[in-house]
Amino acid sequence: MSAVSQGAARKKSSDLAVRAYMHASILAVSDLSTINPDRLRLALNYSTFLFDIAEESDQACFVAKRAMDDAQAEVDSLEADVHPESMRFIGLLRKKYVS
């Protein structure tokens, strides 16, 4: 909705989306490991929303970098193989937002 709305409607839908993303992020941080594919997907989607829709590039980069750094630290500490989907999302976060 935020992507196609204009004016007050865009602001309202964007604000609602930010609240939903923030709530989902809180739940993901408390309930999912840093390398869980759903948690990484959420971080990628939220950072994309922040960058493309909310036009908050600094915040978008912060969200992506934090998720990527946290996940990479866990990957580095594990001896077992990490789910390929998790590695794919870590790579997407790195490629899209981190220089």
PDB file of N, CA and C in Angstrom:
ATOM      1  N   MET A   1       0.815  -1.180   0.000  1.00  0.00           N
ATOM      2  CA  MET A   1       0.000   0.000   0.000  1.00  0.00           C
ATOM      3  C   MET A   1       0.867   1.255   0.000  1.00  0.00           C
ATOM      4  N   SER A   2       1.921   1.249   0.806  1.00  0.00           N
ATOM      5  CA  SER A   2       2.789   2.423   0.893  1.00  0.00           C
ATOM      6  C   SER A   2       3.453   2.744  -0.435  1.00  0.00           C
ATOM      7  N   ALA A   3       3.748   1.711  -1.211  1.00  0.00           N
ATOM      8  CA  ALA A   3       4.469   1.911  -2.468  1.00  0.00           C
ATOM      9  C   ALA A   3       3.615   2.622  -3.506  1.00  0.00           C
ATOM     10  N   VAL A   4       2.311   2.463  -3.459  1.00  0.00           N
ATOM     11  CA  VAL A   4       1.460   3.049  -4.493  1.00  0.00           C
ATOM     12  C   VAL A   4       0.632   4.224  -4.000  1.00  0.00           C
ATOM     13  N   SER A   5       0.611   4.467  -2.717  1.00  0.00           N
ATOM     14  CA  SER A   5      -0.158   5.576  -2.147  1.00  0.00           C
ATOM     15  C   SER A   5       0.610   6.890  -2.287  1.00  0.00           C
ATOM     16  N   GLN A   6      -0.119   7.976  -2.080  1.00  0.00           N
ATOM     17  CA  GLN A   6       0.501   9.300  -2.115  1.00  0.00           C
ATOM     18  C   GLN A   6      -0.012  10.117  -0.944  1.00  0.00           C
ATOM     19  N   GLY A   7       0.763  11.121  -0.580  1.00  0.00           N
ATOM     20  CA  GLY A   7       0.338  12.077   0.441  1.00  0.00           C
ATOM     21  C   GLY A   7       0.091  11.442   1.794  1.00  0.00           C
ATOM     22  N   ALA A   8      -1.037  11.839   2.400  1.00  0.00           N
ATOM     23  CA  ALA A   8      -1.377  11.391   3.754  1.00  0.00           C
ATOM     24  C   ALA A   8      -1.597   9.879   3.799  1.00  0.00           C
ATOM     25  N   ALA A   9      -2.167   9.320   2.746  1.00  0.00           N
ATOM     26  CA  ALA A   9      -2.400   7.873   2.717  1.00  0.00           C
ATOM     27  C   ALA A   9      -1.080   7.113   2.718  1.00  0.00           C
ATOM     28  N   ARG A  10      -0.092   7.611   1.990  1.00  0.00           N
ATOM     29  CA  ARG A  10       1.232   6.977   1.970  1.00  0.00           C
ATOM     30  C   ARG A  10       1.884   7.049   3.347  1.00  0.00           C
ATOM     31  N   LYS A  11       1.798   8.209   3.977  1.00  0.00           N
ATOM     32  CA  LYS A  11       2.377   8.391   5.316  1.00  0.00           C
ATOM     33  C   LYS A  11       1.729   7.439   6.313  1.00  0.00           C
ATOM     34  N   LYS A  12       0.417   7.341   6.273  1.00  0.00           N
ATOM     35  CA  LYS A  12      -0.305   6.483   7.216  1.00  0.00           C
ATOM     36  C   LYS A  12       0.044   5.016   6.997  1.00  0.00           C
ATOM     37  N   SER A  13       0.033   4.571   5.745  1.00  0.00           N
ATOM     38  CA  SER A  13       0.338   3.164   5.484  1.00  0.00           C
ATOM     39  C   SER A  13       1.803   2.855   5.782  1.00  0.00           C
ATOM     40  N   SER A  14       2.678   3.814   5.545  1.00  0.00           N
ATOM     41  CA  SER A  14       4.087   3.628   5.863  1.00  0.00           C
ATOM     42  C   SER A  14       4.290   3.517   7.370  1.00  0.00           C
ATOM     43  N   ASP A  15       3.625   4.369   8.130  1.00  0.00           N
ATOM     44  CA  ASP A  15       3.722   4.312   9.591  1.00  0.00           C
ATOM     45  C   ASP A  15       3.208   2.979  10.128  1.00  0.00           C
ATOM     46  N   LEU A  16       2.108   2.498   9.578  1.00  0.00           N
ATOM     47  CA  LEU A  16       1.560   1.200   9.994  1.00  0.00           C
ATOM     48  C   LEU A  16       2.522   0.067   9.650  1.00  0.00           C
ATOM     49  N   ALA A  17       3.136   0.151   8.498  1.00  0.00           N
ATOM     50  CA  ALA A  17       4.094  -0.883   8.095  1.00  0.00           C
ATOM     51  C   ALA A  17       5.310  -0.885   9.014  1.00  0.00           C
ATOM     52  N   VAL A  18       5.815   0.288   9.357  1.00  0.00           N
ATOM     53  CA  VAL A  18       6.962   0.379  10.270  1.00  0.00           C
ATOM     54  C   VAL A  18       6.607  -0.250  11.617  1.00  0.00           C
ATOM     55  N   ARG A  19       5.429   0.046  12.140  1.00  0.00           N
ATOM     56  CA  ARG A  19       5.022  -0.553  13.420  1.00  0.00           C
ATOM     57  C   ARG A  19       4.929  -2.066  13.311  1.00  0.00           C
ATOM     58  N   ALA A  20       4.388  -2.566  12.206  1.00  0.00           N
ATOM     59  CA  ALA A  20       4.279  -4.016  12.020  1.00  0.00           C
ATOM     60  C   ALA A  20       5.663  -4.657  11.912  1.00  0.00           C
ATOM     61  N   TYR A  21       6.546  -4.041  11.149  1.00  0.00           N
ATOM     62  CA  TYR A  21       7.911  -4.561  11.035  1.00  0.00           C
ATOM     63  C   TYR A  21       8.628  -4.534  12.385  1.00  0.00           C
ATOM     64  N   MET A  22       8.449  -3.465  13.134  1.00  0.00           N
ATOM     65  CA  MET A  22       9.111  -3.372  14.438  1.00  0.00           C
ATOM     66  C   MET A  22       8.589  -4.454  15.388  1.00  0.00           C
ATOM     67  N   HIS A  23       7.291  -4.670  15.396  1.00  0.00           N
ATOM     68  CA  HIS A  23       6.703  -5.703  16.245  1.00  0.00           C
ATOM     69  C   HIS A  23       7.214  -7.083  15.826  1.00  0.00           C
ATOM     70  N   ALA A  24       7.208  -7.351  14.542  1.00  0.00           N
ATOM     71  CA  ALA A  24       7.709  -8.633  14.049  1.00  0.00           C
ATOM     72  C   ALA A  24       9.187  -8.806  14.377  1.00  0.00           C
ATOM     73  N   SER A  25       9.950  -7.750  14.280  1.00  0.00           N
ATOM     74  CA  SER A  25      11.382  -7.812  14.593  1.00  0.00           C
ATOM     75  C   SER A  25      11.618  -8.129  16.065  1.00  0.00           C
ATOM     76  N   ILE A  26      10.832  -7.531  16.938  1.00  0.00           N
ATOM     77  CA  ILE A  26      10.948  -7.821  18.371  1.00  0.00           C
ATOM     78  C   ILE A  26      10.672  -9.297  18.635  1.00  0.00           C
ATOM     79  N   LEU A  27       9.623  -9.822  18.023  1.00  0.00           N
ATOM     80  CA  LEU A  27       9.303 -11.242  18.188  1.00  0.00           C
ATOM     81  C   LEU A  27      10.401 -12.135  17.618  1.00  0.00           C
ATOM     82  N   ALA A  28      10.916 -11.772  16.463  1.00  0.00           N
ATOM     83  CA  ALA A  28      11.963 -12.579  15.831  1.00  0.00           C
ATOM     84  C   ALA A  28      13.222 -12.608  16.689  1.00  0.00           C
ATOM     85  N   VAL A  29      13.614 -11.474  17.233  1.00  0.00           N
ATOM     86  CA  VAL A  29      14.815 -11.408  18.060  1.00  0.00           C
ATOM     87  C   VAL A  29      14.641 -12.237  19.331  1.00  0.00           C
ATOM     88  N   SER A  30      13.443 -12.213  19.890  1.00  0.00           N
ATOM     89  CA  SER A  30      13.234 -12.941  21.143  1.00  0.00           C
ATOM     90  C   SER A  30      13.004 -14.434  20.939  1.00  0.00           C
ATOM     91  N   ASP A  31      12.511 -14.843  19.758  1.00  0.00           N
ATOM     92  CA  ASP A  31      12.104 -16.236  19.577  1.00  0.00           C
ATOM     93  C   ASP A  31      12.926 -17.039  18.568  1.00  0.00           C
ATOM     94  N   LEU A  32      13.690 -16.383  17.716  1.00  0.00           N
ATOM     95  CA  LEU A  32      14.397 -17.098  16.647  1.00  0.00           C
ATOM     96  C   LEU A  32      15.903 -16.868  16.750  1.00  0.00           C
ATOM     97  N   SER A  33      16.658 -17.864  16.345  1.00  0.00           N
ATOM     98  CA  SER A  33      18.112 -17.709  16.346  1.00  0.00           C
ATOM     99  C   SER A  33      18.519 -16.696  15.274  1.00  0.00           C
ATOM    100  N   THR A  34      19.716 -16.178  15.415  1.00  0.00           N
ATOM    101  CA  THR A  34      20.186 -15.160  14.471  1.00  0.00           C
ATOM    102  C   THR A  34      20.360 -15.710  13.057  1.00  0.00           C
ATOM    103  N   ILE A  35      20.439 -17.041  12.915  1.00  0.00           N
ATOM    104  CA  ILE A  35      20.597 -17.628  11.580  1.00  0.00           C
ATOM    105  C   ILE A  35      19.318 -18.279  11.077  1.00  0.00           C
ATOM    106  N   ASN A  36      18.214 -18.043  11.762  1.00  0.00           N
ATOM    107  CA  ASN A  36      16.929 -18.574  11.300  1.00  0.00           C
ATOM    108  C   ASN A  36      16.561 -17.886   9.982  1.00  0.00           C
ATOM    109  N   PRO A  37      16.219 -18.651   8.948  1.00  0.00           N
ATOM    110  CA  PRO A  37      15.896 -18.035   7.650  1.00  0.00           C
ATOM    111  C   PRO A  37      14.747 -17.024   7.719  1.00  0.00           C
ATOM    112  N   ASP A  38      13.748 -17.296   8.560  1.00  0.00           N
ATOM    113  CA  ASP A  38      12.624 -16.361   8.671  1.00  0.00           C
ATOM    114  C   ASP A  38      13.060 -15.034   9.294  1.00  0.00           C
ATOM    115  N   ARG A  39      13.937 -15.103  10.286  1.00  0.00           N
ATOM    116  CA  ARG A  39      14.452 -13.872  10.904  1.00  0.00           C
ATOM    117  C   ARG A  39      15.293 -13.085   9.898  1.00  0.00           C
ATOM    118  N   LEU A  40      16.115 -13.771   9.141  1.00  0.00           N
ATOM    119  CA  LEU A  40      16.936 -13.091   8.127  1.00  0.00           C
ATOM    120  C   LEU A  40      16.078 -12.515   7.008  1.00  0.00           C
ATOM    121  N   ARG A  41      15.053 -13.248   6.601  1.00  0.00           N
ATOM    122  CA  ARG A  41      14.137 -12.764   5.559  1.00  0.00           C
ATOM    123  C   ARG A  41      13.421 -11.506   6.040  1.00  0.00           C
ATOM    124  N   LEU A  42      12.988 -11.503   7.290  1.00  0.00           N
ATOM    125  CA  LEU A  42      12.327 -10.330   7.860  1.00  0.00           C
ATOM    126  C   LEU A  42      13.264  -9.124   7.834  1.00  0.00           C
ATOM    127  N   ALA A  43      14.506  -9.320   8.242  1.00  0.00           N
ATOM    128  CA  ALA A  43      15.476  -8.214   8.239  1.00  0.00           C
ATOM    129  C   ALA A  43      15.690  -7.688   6.817  1.00  0.00           C
ATOM    130  N   LEU A  44      15.791  -8.589   5.853  1.00  0.00           N
ATOM    131  CA  LEU A  44      15.978  -8.170   4.460  1.00  0.00           C
ATOM    132  C   LEU A  44      14.759  -7.396   3.963  1.00  0.00           C
ATOM    133  N   ASN A  45      13.562  -7.897   4.243  1.00  0.00           N
ATOM    134  CA  ASN A  45      12.346  -7.210   3.802  1.00  0.00           C
ATOM    135  C   ASN A  45      12.180  -5.852   4.480  1.00  0.00           C
ATOM    136  N   TYR A  46      12.455  -5.807   5.778  1.00  0.00           N
ATOM    137  CA  TYR A  46      12.323  -4.549   6.515  1.00  0.00           C
ATOM    138  C   TYR A  46      13.330  -3.522   5.996  1.00  0.00           C
ATOM    139  N   SER A  47      14.555  -3.945   5.794  1.00  0.00           N
ATOM    140  CA  SER A  47      15.563  -3.005   5.306  1.00  0.00           C
ATOM    141  C   SER A  47      15.233  -2.533   3.885  1.00  0.00           C
ATOM    142  N   THR A  48      14.680  -3.406   3.072  1.00  0.00           N
ATOM    143  CA  THR A  48      14.260  -3.015   1.726  1.00  0.00           C
ATOM    144  C   THR A  48      13.134  -1.989   1.795  1.00  0.00           C
ATOM    145  N   PHE A  49      12.168  -2.232   2.688  1.00  0.00           N
ATOM    146  CA  PHE A  49      11.081  -1.270   2.878  1.00  0.00           C
ATOM    147  C   PHE A  49      11.640   0.090   3.317  1.00  0.00           C
ATOM    148  N   LEU A  50      12.527   0.058   4.302  1.00  0.00           N
ATOM    149  CA  LEU A  50      13.104   1.312   4.790  1.00  0.00           C
ATOM    150  C   LEU A  50      13.842   2.059   3.685  1.00  0.00           C
ATOM    151  N   PHE A  51      14.564   1.336   2.860  1.00  0.00           N
ATOM    152  CA  PHE A  51      15.350   1.961   1.800  1.00  0.00           C
ATOM    153  C   PHE A  51      14.465   2.469   0.660  1.00  0.00           C
ATOM    154  N   ASP A  52      13.571   1.610   0.174  1.00  0.00           N
ATOM    155  CA  ASP A  52      12.802   1.924  -1.033  1.00  0.00           C
ATOM    156  C   ASP A  52      11.547   2.744  -0.778  1.00  0.00           C
ATOM    157  N   ILE A  53      10.848   2.477   0.310  1.00  0.00           N
ATOM    158  CA  ILE A  53       9.554   3.122   0.550  1.00  0.00           C
ATOM    159  C   ILE A  53       9.692   4.286   1.532  1.00  0.00           C
ATOM    160  N   ALA A  54      10.295   4.007   2.685  1.00  0.00           N
ATOM    161  CA  ALA A  54      10.418   5.049   3.715  1.00  0.00           C
ATOM    162  C   ALA A  54      11.556   6.024   3.409  1.00  0.00           C
ATOM    163  N   GLU A  55      12.410   5.657   2.456  1.00  0.00           N
ATOM    164  CA  GLU A  55      13.550   6.488   2.051  1.00  0.00           C
ATOM    165  C   GLU A  55      14.442   6.845   3.241  1.00  0.00           C
ATOM    166  N   GLU A  56      14.693   5.833   4.070  1.00  0.00           N
ATOM    167  CA  GLU A  56      15.572   5.971   5.232  1.00  0.00           C
ATOM    168  C   GLU A  56      16.771   5.050   5.031  1.00  0.00           C
ATOM    169  N   SER A  57      17.681   5.472   4.161  1.00  0.00           N
ATOM    170  CA  SER A  57      18.785   4.598   3.769  1.00  0.00           C
ATOM    171  C   SER A  57      19.715   4.263   4.937  1.00  0.00           C
ATOM    172  N   ASP A  58      19.973   5.212   5.832  1.00  0.00           N
ATOM    173  CA  ASP A  58      20.848   4.917   6.973  1.00  0.00           C
ATOM    174  C   ASP A  58      20.242   3.844   7.872  1.00  0.00           C
ATOM    175  N   GLN A  59      18.959   3.975   8.160  1.00  0.00           N
ATOM    176  CA  GLN A  59      18.274   2.990   9.001  1.00  0.00           C
ATOM    177  C   GLN A  59      18.199   1.639   8.292  1.00  0.00           C
ATOM    178  N   ALA A  60      17.969   1.654   6.985  1.00  0.00           N
ATOM    179  CA  ALA A  60      17.924   0.412   6.213  1.00  0.00           C
ATOM    180  C   ALA A  60      19.253  -0.323   6.289  1.00  0.00           C
ATOM    181  N   CYS A  61      20.328   0.411   6.142  1.00  0.00           N
ATOM    182  CA  CYS A  61      21.659  -0.196   6.232  1.00  0.00           C
ATOM    183  C   CYS A  61      21.939  -0.715   7.633  1.00  0.00           C
ATOM    184  N   PHE A  62      21.496   0.019   8.652  1.00  0.00           N
ATOM    185  CA  PHE A  62      21.687  -0.413  10.034  1.00  0.00           C
ATOM    186  C   PHE A  62      20.978  -1.743  10.285  1.00  0.00           C
ATOM    187  N   VAL A  63      19.720  -1.846   9.875  1.00  0.00           N
ATOM    188  CA  VAL A  63      18.944  -3.075  10.078  1.00  0.00           C
ATOM    189  C   VAL A  63      19.610  -4.252   9.365  1.00  0.00           C
ATOM    190  N   ALA A  64      20.002  -4.040   8.121  1.00  0.00           N
ATOM    191  CA  ALA A  64      20.632  -5.120   7.344  1.00  0.00           C
ATOM    192  C   ALA A  64      21.982  -5.518   7.939  1.00  0.00           C
ATOM    193  N   LYS A  65      22.785  -4.536   8.289  1.00  0.00           N
ATOM    194  CA  LYS A  65      24.120  -4.831   8.821  1.00  0.00           C
ATOM    195  C   LYS A  65      24.042  -5.537  10.166  1.00  0.00           C
ATOM    196  N   ARG A  66      23.139  -5.100  11.026  1.00  0.00           N
ATOM    197  CA  ARG A  66      22.997  -5.751  12.324  1.00  0.00           C
ATOM    198  C   ARG A  66      22.589  -7.213  12.163  1.00  0.00           C
ATOM    199  N   ALA A  67      21.612  -7.474  11.297  1.00  0.00           N
ATOM    200  CA  ALA A  67      21.170  -8.857  11.070  1.00  0.00           C
ATOM    201  C   ALA A  67      22.295  -9.701  10.482  1.00  0.00           C
ATOM    202  N   MET A  68      23.002  -9.134   9.522  1.00  0.00           N
ATOM    203  CA  MET A  68      24.097  -9.869   8.888  1.00  0.00           C
ATOM    204  C   MET A  68      25.234 -10.131   9.869  1.00  0.00           C
ATOM    205  N   ASP A  69      25.634  -9.136  10.630  1.00  0.00           N
ATOM    206  CA  ASP A  69      26.719  -9.298  11.603  1.00  0.00           C
ATOM    207  C   ASP A  69      26.364 -10.325  12.677  1.00  0.00           C
ATOM    208  N   ASP A  70      25.131 -10.245  13.195  1.00  0.00           N
ATOM    209  CA  ASP A  70      24.697 -11.199  14.216  1.00  0.00           C
ATOM    210  C   ASP A  70      24.685 -12.622  13.669  1.00  0.00           C
ATOM    211  N   ALA A  71      24.168 -12.769  12.465  1.00  0.00           N
ATOM    212  CA  ALA A  71      24.108 -14.101  11.854  1.00  0.00           C
ATOM    213  C   ALA A  71      25.511 -14.624  11.551  1.00  0.00           C
ATOM    214  N   GLN A  72      26.365 -13.775  11.022  1.00  0.00           N
ATOM    215  CA  GLN A  72      27.720 -14.206  10.683  1.00  0.00           C
ATOM    216  C   GLN A  72      28.492 -14.632  11.924  1.00  0.00           C
ATOM    217  N   ALA A  73      28.291 -13.935  13.024  1.00  0.00           N
ATOM    218  CA  ALA A  73      28.958 -14.304  14.274  1.00  0.00           C
ATOM    219  C   ALA A  73      28.519 -15.692  14.726  1.00  0.00           C
ATOM    220  N   GLU A  74      27.239 -15.998  14.577  1.00  0.00           N
ATOM    221  CA  GLU A  74      26.758 -17.329  14.958  1.00  0.00           C
ATOM    222  C   GLU A  74      27.284 -18.391  14.002  1.00  0.00           C
ATOM    223  N   VAL A  75      27.303 -18.090  12.714  1.00  0.00           N
ATOM    224  CA  VAL A  75      27.838 -19.034  11.720  1.00  0.00           C
ATOM    225  C   VAL A  75      29.294 -19.343  12.049  1.00  0.00           C
ATOM    226  N   ASP A  76      30.062 -18.323  12.363  1.00  0.00           N
ATOM    227  CA  ASP A  76      31.483 -18.504  12.665  1.00  0.00           C
ATOM    228  C   ASP A  76      31.712 -19.352  13.913  1.00  0.00           C
ATOM    229  N   SER A  77      30.754 -19.341  14.844  1.00  0.00           N
ATOM    230  CA  SER A  77      30.926 -20.097  16.084  1.00  0.00           C
ATOM    231  C   SER A  77      30.421 -21.533  15.982  1.00  0.00           C
ATOM    232  N   LEU A  78      29.720 -21.855  14.911  1.00  0.00           N
ATOM    233  CA  LEU A  78      29.148 -23.198  14.763  1.00  0.00           C
ATOM    234  C   LEU A  78      30.119 -24.136  14.069  1.00  0.00           C
ATOM    235  N   GLU A  79      30.077 -25.376  14.495  1.00  0.00           N
ATOM    236  CA  GLU A  79      30.850 -26.406  13.807  1.00  0.00           C
ATOM    237  C   GLU A  79      29.981 -27.150  12.800  1.00  0.00           C
ATOM    238  N   ALA A  80      28.677 -27.113  13.010  1.00  0.00           N
ATOM    239  CA  ALA A  80      27.752 -27.813  12.115  1.00  0.00           C
ATOM    240  C   ALA A  80      27.455 -26.962  10.887  1.00  0.00           C
ATOM    241  N   ASP A  81      26.907 -27.613   9.875  1.00  0.00           N
ATOM    242  CA  ASP A  81      26.511 -26.899   8.666  1.00  0.00           C
ATOM    243  C   ASP A  81      25.321 -25.994   8.958  1.00  0.00           C
ATOM    244  N   VAL A  82      25.278 -24.874   8.284  1.00  0.00           N
ATOM    245  CA  VAL A  82      24.190 -23.918   8.423  1.00  0.00           C
ATOM    246  C   VAL A  82      23.242 -24.115   7.252  1.00  0.00           C
ATOM    247  N   HIS A  83      21.957 -23.960   7.525  1.00  0.00           N
ATOM    248  CA  HIS A  83      20.931 -24.124   6.492  1.00  0.00           C
ATOM    249  C   HIS A  83      21.284 -23.257   5.279  1.00  0.00           C
ATOM    250  N   PRO A  84      21.233 -23.830   4.075  1.00  0.00           N
ATOM    251  CA  PRO A  84      21.593 -23.058   2.869  1.00  0.00           C
ATOM    252  C   PRO A  84      20.765 -21.788   2.680  1.00  0.00           C
ATOM    253  N   GLU A  85      19.486 -21.828   3.082  1.00  0.00           N
ATOM    254  CA  GLU A  85      18.650 -20.643   2.933  1.00  0.00           C
ATOM    255  C   GLU A  85      19.159 -19.513   3.832  1.00  0.00           C
ATOM    256  N   SER A  86      19.656 -19.858   5.020  1.00  0.00           N
ATOM    257  CA  SER A  86      20.228 -18.847   5.909  1.00  0.00           C
ATOM    258  C   SER A  86      21.441 -18.202   5.257  1.00  0.00           C
ATOM    259  N   MET A  87      22.305 -19.014   4.683  1.00  0.00           N
ATOM    260  CA  MET A  87      23.497 -18.482   4.021  1.00  0.00           C
ATOM    261  C   MET A  87      23.121 -17.598   2.834  1.00  0.00           C
ATOM    262  N   ARG A  88      22.066 -17.964   2.134  1.00  0.00           N
ATOM    263  CA  ARG A  88      21.607 -17.155   0.998  1.00  0.00           C
ATOM    264  C   ARG A  88      21.158 -15.779   1.475  1.00  0.00           C
ATOM    265  N   PHE A  89      20.387 -15.730   2.577  1.00  0.00           N
ATOM    266  CA  PHE A  89      19.925 -14.441   3.096  1.00  0.00           C
ATOM    267  C   PHE A  89      21.079 -13.608   3.641  1.00  0.00           C
ATOM    268  N   ILE A  90      22.030 -14.234   4.293  1.00  0.00           N
ATOM    269  CA  ILE A  90      23.210 -13.500   4.759  1.00  0.00           C
ATOM    270  C   ILE A  90      23.919 -12.863   3.559  1.00  0.00           C
ATOM    271  N   GLY A  91      24.066 -13.626   2.483  1.00  0.00           N
ATOM    272  CA  GLY A  91      24.693 -13.093   1.269  1.00  0.00           C
ATOM    273  C   GLY A  91      23.905 -11.950   0.654  1.00  0.00           C
ATOM    274  N   LEU A  92      22.567 -12.066   0.645  1.00  0.00           N
ATOM    275  CA  LEU A  92      21.728 -10.990   0.095  1.00  0.00           C
ATOM    276  C   LEU A  92      21.836  -9.726   0.941  1.00  0.00           C
ATOM    277  N   LEU A  93      21.846  -9.889   2.248  1.00  0.00           N
ATOM    278  CA  LEU A  93      22.008  -8.722   3.118  1.00  0.00           C
ATOM    279  C   LEU A  93      23.353  -8.050   2.859  1.00  0.00           C
ATOM    280  N   ARG A  94      24.384  -8.844   2.745  1.00  0.00           N
ATOM    281  CA  ARG A  94      25.728  -8.302   2.513  1.00  0.00           C
ATOM    282  C   ARG A  94      25.791  -7.597   1.155  1.00  0.00           C
ATOM    283  N   LYS A  95      25.263  -8.247   0.136  1.00  0.00           N
ATOM    284  CA  LYS A  95      25.343  -7.712  -1.227  1.00  0.00           C
ATOM    285  C   LYS A  95      24.542  -6.425  -1.390  1.00  0.00           C
ATOM    286  N   LYS A  96      23.373  -6.390  -0.783  1.00  0.00           N
ATOM    287  CA  LYS A  96      22.474  -5.273  -1.030  1.00  0.00           C
ATOM    288  C   LYS A  96      22.825  -4.021  -0.230  1.00  0.00           C
ATOM    289  N   TYR A  97      23.285  -4.169   1.001  1.00  0.00           N
ATOM    290  CA  TYR A  97      23.382  -2.997   1.870  1.00  0.00           C
ATOM    291  C   TYR A  97      24.717  -2.731   2.507  1.00  0.00           C
ATOM    292  N   VAL A  98      25.611  -3.672   2.542  1.00  0.00           N
ATOM    293  CA  VAL A  98      26.849  -3.474   3.289  1.00  0.00           C
ATOM    294  C   VAL A  98      28.000  -3.297   2.311  1.00  0.00           C
ATOM    295  N   SER A  99      28.737  -2.230   2.529  1.00  0.00           N
ATOM    296  CA  SER A  99      29.879  -1.982   1.639  1.00  0.00           C
ATOM    297  C   SER A  99      31.153  -2.496   2.248  1.00  0.00           C
TER     298      SER A  99
END
